[in-house]
Amino acid sequence: MSQQESNFDYLQEYCPHCDGETPHSVTLEIRTEAGSSDNVGHSRTPYRVTECQQCGHTSSRRMNNV
């Protein structure tokens, strides 16, 4: 059985600064959005963060609004 190498380090996504498909690193971050300290425990929201590996442009998208 042959073994194929795969590279899951980067995803090809559109970069508006490069104006084309480029490799991006993709991470998930949990961010706190509450303005007051009373709701901090209930205000964590997941974000998908991408970074272009050619120009360094980063963007984030709130995941519970997808």
N, C-alpha and C. Protein backbone atom coordinates (compact mmCIF):
# COMPACT_ATOMS: atom_id res chain seq x y z
N MET A 1 0.85 -1.17 0.00
CA MET A 1 0.00 0.00 0.00
C MET A 1 0.90 1.24 0.00
N SER A 2 0.64 2.16 -0.87
CA SER A 2 1.44 3.38 -0.94
C SER A 2 0.91 4.39 0.07
N GLN A 3 1.81 5.19 0.55
CA GLN A 3 1.44 6.21 1.53
C GLN A 3 1.54 7.58 0.88
N GLN A 4 0.45 8.34 0.95
CA GLN A 4 0.44 9.68 0.38
C GLN A 4 0.69 10.69 1.49
N GLU A 5 1.51 11.67 1.19
CA GLU A 5 1.73 12.74 2.15
C GLU A 5 0.67 13.81 1.94
N SER A 6 0.16 14.31 3.02
CA SER A 6 -0.80 15.41 2.94
C SER A 6 -0.32 16.53 3.84
N ASN A 7 -0.66 17.75 3.46
CA ASN A 7 -0.25 18.92 4.22
C ASN A 7 -1.49 19.64 4.70
N PHE A 8 -1.78 19.51 5.99
CA PHE A 8 -2.93 20.18 6.57
C PHE A 8 -2.53 21.41 7.37
N ASP A 9 -1.29 21.87 7.18
CA ASP A 9 -0.83 23.04 7.91
C ASP A 9 -1.53 24.31 7.44
N TYR A 10 -1.87 24.38 6.17
CA TYR A 10 -2.47 25.58 5.59
C TYR A 10 -3.65 25.21 4.71
N LEU A 11 -4.62 26.13 4.61
CA LEU A 11 -5.76 25.99 3.72
C LEU A 11 -5.68 27.06 2.65
N GLN A 12 -6.06 26.71 1.44
CA GLN A 12 -6.12 27.70 0.35
C GLN A 12 -7.41 28.50 0.50
N GLU A 13 -7.28 29.79 0.70
CA GLU A 13 -8.43 30.68 0.84
C GLU A 13 -8.15 31.98 0.11
N TYR A 14 -9.22 32.70 -0.19
CA TYR A 14 -9.08 33.98 -0.88
C TYR A 14 -8.54 35.04 0.07
N CYS A 15 -7.54 35.79 -0.38
CA CYS A 15 -6.99 36.91 0.38
C CYS A 15 -7.30 38.20 -0.39
N PRO A 16 -8.04 39.15 0.22
CA PRO A 16 -8.35 40.39 -0.48
C PRO A 16 -7.13 41.26 -0.75
N HIS A 17 -6.10 41.16 0.08
CA HIS A 17 -4.89 41.96 -0.12
C HIS A 17 -4.03 41.40 -1.25
N CYS A 18 -3.96 40.08 -1.36
CA CYS A 18 -3.19 39.44 -2.45
C CYS A 18 -4.03 39.29 -3.71
N ASP A 19 -5.36 39.45 -3.58
CA ASP A 19 -6.32 39.31 -4.68
C ASP A 19 -6.22 37.94 -5.34
N GLY A 20 -6.21 36.90 -4.51
CA GLY A 20 -6.16 35.55 -5.05
C GLY A 20 -6.15 34.51 -3.95
N GLU A 21 -6.16 33.25 -4.37
CA GLU A 21 -6.10 32.13 -3.44
C GLU A 21 -4.67 31.97 -2.94
N THR A 22 -4.49 32.00 -1.63
CA THR A 22 -3.17 31.86 -1.02
C THR A 22 -3.27 30.92 0.18
N PRO A 23 -2.15 30.36 0.63
CA PRO A 23 -2.19 29.52 1.83
C PRO A 23 -2.47 30.36 3.08
N HIS A 24 -3.37 29.87 3.92
CA HIS A 24 -3.74 30.55 5.16
C HIS A 24 -3.62 29.58 6.32
N SER A 25 -3.14 30.07 7.45
CA SER A 25 -3.26 29.30 8.69
C SER A 25 -4.61 29.65 9.30
N VAL A 26 -5.27 28.66 9.87
CA VAL A 26 -6.60 28.85 10.43
C VAL A 26 -6.59 28.36 11.88
N THR A 27 -7.06 29.22 12.78
CA THR A 27 -7.16 28.85 14.19
C THR A 27 -8.53 29.24 14.72
N LEU A 28 -8.90 28.68 15.85
CA LEU A 28 -10.12 29.05 16.55
C LEU A 28 -9.72 29.70 17.86
N GLU A 29 -10.38 30.81 18.17
CA GLU A 29 -10.12 31.53 19.42
C GLU A 29 -11.43 31.70 20.17
N ILE A 30 -11.36 31.62 21.48
CA ILE A 30 -12.50 31.94 22.33
C ILE A 30 -12.26 33.34 22.86
N ARG A 31 -13.17 34.26 22.53
CA ARG A 31 -13.01 35.66 22.94
C ARG A 31 -14.12 36.05 23.91
N THR A 32 -13.80 36.95 24.83
CA THR A 32 -14.76 37.48 25.78
C THR A 32 -15.27 38.81 25.25
N GLU A 33 -16.60 38.94 25.17
CA GLU A 33 -17.19 40.13 24.56
C GLU A 33 -17.94 41.02 25.54
N ALA A 34 -18.11 40.60 26.78
CA ALA A 34 -18.92 41.37 27.73
C ALA A 34 -18.25 42.68 28.11
N GLY A 35 -19.05 43.70 28.26
CA GLY A 35 -18.53 44.99 28.67
C GLY A 35 -18.41 45.08 30.18
N SER A 36 -19.32 44.42 30.90
CA SER A 36 -19.26 44.47 32.36
C SER A 36 -18.71 43.17 32.92
N SER A 37 -18.13 43.24 34.09
CA SER A 37 -17.53 42.05 34.69
C SER A 37 -18.58 41.07 35.20
N ASP A 38 -19.85 41.47 35.30
CA ASP A 38 -20.90 40.58 35.77
C ASP A 38 -21.20 39.45 34.79
N ASN A 39 -21.03 39.71 33.50
CA ASN A 39 -21.38 38.72 32.47
C ASN A 39 -20.19 38.04 31.83
N VAL A 40 -19.00 38.23 32.34
CA VAL A 40 -17.79 37.70 31.71
C VAL A 40 -17.86 36.19 31.54
N GLY A 41 -18.39 35.48 32.51
CA GLY A 41 -18.47 34.02 32.44
C GLY A 41 -19.41 33.51 31.37
N HIS A 42 -20.31 34.35 30.88
CA HIS A 42 -21.31 33.93 29.90
C HIS A 42 -21.12 34.59 28.54
N SER A 43 -20.01 35.25 28.34
CA SER A 43 -19.85 36.04 27.10
C SER A 43 -18.75 35.52 26.19
N ARG A 44 -18.31 34.29 26.38
CA ARG A 44 -17.25 33.75 25.52
C ARG A 44 -17.84 33.29 24.20
N THR A 45 -17.21 33.69 23.11
CA THR A 45 -17.70 33.41 21.77
C THR A 45 -16.56 32.88 20.91
N PRO A 46 -16.82 31.81 20.12
CA PRO A 46 -15.76 31.28 19.25
C PRO A 46 -15.60 32.14 17.99
N TYR A 47 -14.35 32.35 17.60
CA TYR A 47 -14.01 33.07 16.37
C TYR A 47 -13.08 32.21 15.53
N ARG A 48 -13.27 32.24 14.22
CA ARG A 48 -12.37 31.60 13.26
C ARG A 48 -11.41 32.68 12.77
N VAL A 49 -10.12 32.48 13.00
CA VAL A 49 -9.11 33.48 12.66
C VAL A 49 -8.22 32.91 11.55
N THR A 50 -8.08 33.66 10.45
CA THR A 50 -7.23 33.23 9.35
C THR A 50 -6.10 34.23 9.16
N GLU A 51 -4.93 33.70 8.77
CA GLU A 51 -3.77 34.55 8.49
C GLU A 51 -3.16 34.12 7.17
N CYS A 52 -3.06 35.07 6.23
CA CYS A 52 -2.44 34.80 4.93
C CYS A 52 -0.95 34.57 5.14
N GLN A 53 -0.44 33.51 4.56
CA GLN A 53 0.97 33.18 4.73
C GLN A 53 1.86 33.94 3.74
N GLN A 54 1.26 34.68 2.80
CA GLN A 54 2.05 35.49 1.87
C GLN A 54 2.20 36.93 2.34
N CYS A 55 1.09 37.55 2.76
CA CYS A 55 1.16 38.97 3.12
C CYS A 55 0.96 39.23 4.61
N GLY A 56 0.49 38.24 5.37
CA GLY A 56 0.30 38.41 6.80
C GLY A 56 -1.04 38.98 7.22
N HIS A 57 -1.92 39.28 6.26
CA HIS A 57 -3.24 39.82 6.58
C HIS A 57 -4.03 38.82 7.42
N THR A 58 -4.64 39.29 8.51
CA THR A 58 -5.48 38.43 9.34
C THR A 58 -6.91 38.92 9.30
N SER A 59 -7.83 37.98 9.44
CA SER A 59 -9.24 38.31 9.54
C SER A 59 -9.88 37.33 10.52
N SER A 60 -10.97 37.76 11.14
CA SER A 60 -11.67 36.89 12.08
C SER A 60 -13.16 36.96 11.80
N ARG A 61 -13.82 35.85 12.13
CA ARG A 61 -15.26 35.75 11.89
C ARG A 61 -15.91 35.08 13.09
N ARG A 62 -16.93 35.70 13.60
CA ARG A 62 -17.66 35.15 14.74
C ARG A 62 -18.40 33.89 14.28
N MET A 63 -18.17 32.78 14.97
CA MET A 63 -18.69 31.50 14.49
C MET A 63 -20.14 31.24 14.86
N ASN A 64 -20.67 31.82 15.89
CA ASN A 64 -22.07 31.54 16.20
C ASN A 64 -23.02 32.40 15.37
N ASN A 65 -22.50 33.19 14.43
CA ASN A 65 -23.32 33.95 13.49
C ASN A 65 -23.25 33.37 12.08
N VAL A 66 -22.64 32.21 11.93
CA VAL A 66 -22.43 31.64 10.60
C VAL A 66 -23.73 31.12 10.05
